[in-house]
Amino acid sequence: MGRRRRSYAVPNVQQAMQQFKADVMRNEGYTVDPARPDDVKFEVAKELGVPLQPYDNGHLTTEDVGHIGGKIGGSMVKEMIRLAQERLADEQQK
């Protein structure tokens, strides 16, 4: 099974999103290779006790996979909300 192709609403934002993910997960205490920020999912899986492999993961439950994605995505969403609140507060002070 091949990799899922992500499609972003804003053109040419893929590299910036990968960098954002790397920064967020680094701030969460994970080791992130800047050349391969998507690989942080293996470190998250190991922490959660989910036996994630580089290719064939047909044995994993949806729940297991959701825990991995939820940890990463949840951290990204929290950071986006924090940044938006910070921006709004800065705008209100002007």
Protein backbone atom coordinates (compact mmCIF):
# COMPACT_ATOMS: atom_id res chain seq x y z
CA MET A 1 0.00 0.00 0.00
CA GLY A 2 1.46 3.38 -1.03
CA ARG A 3 1.75 6.58 0.89
CA ARG A 4 -1.30 8.76 1.11
CA ARG A 5 -1.03 11.91 -0.97
CA ARG A 6 -1.96 14.93 1.14
CA SER A 7 -3.66 17.83 -0.51
CA TYR A 8 -3.52 21.26 1.10
CA ALA A 9 -5.99 24.08 0.52
CA VAL A 10 -3.14 26.57 0.13
CA PRO A 11 -0.82 25.83 -2.80
CA ASN A 12 2.87 25.19 -2.12
CA VAL A 13 2.45 24.97 1.66
CA GLN A 14 3.55 21.33 2.06
CA GLN A 15 7.16 22.11 3.01
CA ALA A 16 6.08 24.74 5.54
CA MET A 17 3.61 22.29 7.12
CA GLN A 18 6.29 19.61 7.40
CA GLN A 19 8.58 22.17 9.08
CA PHE A 20 5.76 23.21 11.43
CA LYS A 21 5.17 19.56 12.35
CA ALA A 22 8.89 19.09 13.01
CA ASP A 23 9.04 22.21 15.20
CA VAL A 24 5.95 21.27 17.20
CA MET A 25 7.07 17.71 17.80
CA ARG A 26 10.58 18.87 18.74
CA ASN A 27 8.99 21.21 21.29
CA GLU A 28 7.03 18.21 22.60
CA GLY A 29 10.37 16.52 23.32
CA TYR A 30 10.66 14.20 20.33
CA THR A 31 13.76 13.70 18.21
CA VAL A 32 12.99 14.98 14.72
CA ASP A 33 15.15 14.58 11.62
CA PRO A 34 14.66 17.84 9.66
CA ALA A 35 15.06 15.90 6.41
CA ARG A 36 12.33 13.43 7.42
CA PRO A 37 9.91 15.11 9.87
CA ASP A 38 7.19 12.56 9.07
CA ASP A 39 9.30 9.84 10.72
CA VAL A 40 8.46 11.25 14.16
CA LYS A 41 5.40 8.99 13.98
CA PHE A 42 7.67 6.00 14.69
CA GLU A 43 8.96 7.59 17.89
CA VAL A 44 5.39 8.47 18.95
CA ALA A 45 4.26 4.90 18.17
CA LYS A 46 7.09 3.44 20.24
CA GLU A 47 6.17 5.69 23.18
CA LEU A 48 2.54 4.58 22.91
CA GLY A 49 3.47 0.90 22.58
CA VAL A 50 2.10 0.63 19.03
CA PRO A 51 4.20 -1.67 16.79
CA LEU A 52 4.31 0.67 13.77
CA GLN A 53 6.52 -0.54 10.91
CA PRO A 54 7.88 1.45 7.92
CA TYR A 55 5.58 -0.26 5.39
CA ASP A 56 3.15 -3.05 6.22
CA ASN A 57 0.87 -2.05 9.08
CA GLY A 58 -2.21 -4.02 8.12
CA HIS A 59 -2.12 -5.70 11.52
CA LEU A 60 -2.73 -2.41 13.37
CA THR A 61 -6.18 -1.43 14.52
CA THR A 62 -7.75 1.87 13.56
CA GLU A 63 -7.61 2.77 17.23
CA ASP A 64 -3.83 2.22 17.40
CA VAL A 65 -3.21 4.30 14.29
CA GLY A 66 -5.56 6.98 15.60
CA HIS A 67 -3.55 7.26 18.82
CA ILE A 68 -0.40 8.00 16.81
CA GLY A 69 -2.06 10.52 14.49
CA GLY A 70 -4.00 12.07 17.34
CA LYS A 71 -0.87 12.69 19.38
CA ILE A 72 0.84 14.41 16.43
CA GLY A 73 -2.20 16.22 15.05
CA GLY A 74 -3.45 17.21 18.49
CA SER A 75 -0.10 18.79 19.31
CA MET A 76 -0.15 20.69 16.01
CA VAL A 77 -3.70 21.96 16.57
CA LYS A 78 -2.88 23.11 20.12
CA GLU A 79 0.09 25.05 18.78
CA MET A 80 -2.00 26.60 15.96
CA ILE A 81 -4.58 27.75 18.51
CA ARG A 82 -1.86 29.18 20.75
CA LEU A 83 -0.36 31.09 17.81
CA ALA A 84 -3.77 32.42 16.76
CA GLN A 85 -4.55 33.58 20.31
CA GLU A 86 -1.15 35.25 20.52
CA ARG A 87 -1.75 37.03 17.21
CA LEU A 88 -5.20 38.22 18.30
CA ALA A 89 -3.83 39.52 21.59
CA ASP A 90 -1.08 41.40 19.73
CA GLU A 91 -3.63 42.93 17.34
CA GLN A 92 -5.83 44.07 20.23
CA GLN A 93 -2.89 45.86 21.84
CA LYS A 94 -2.27 47.94 18.71
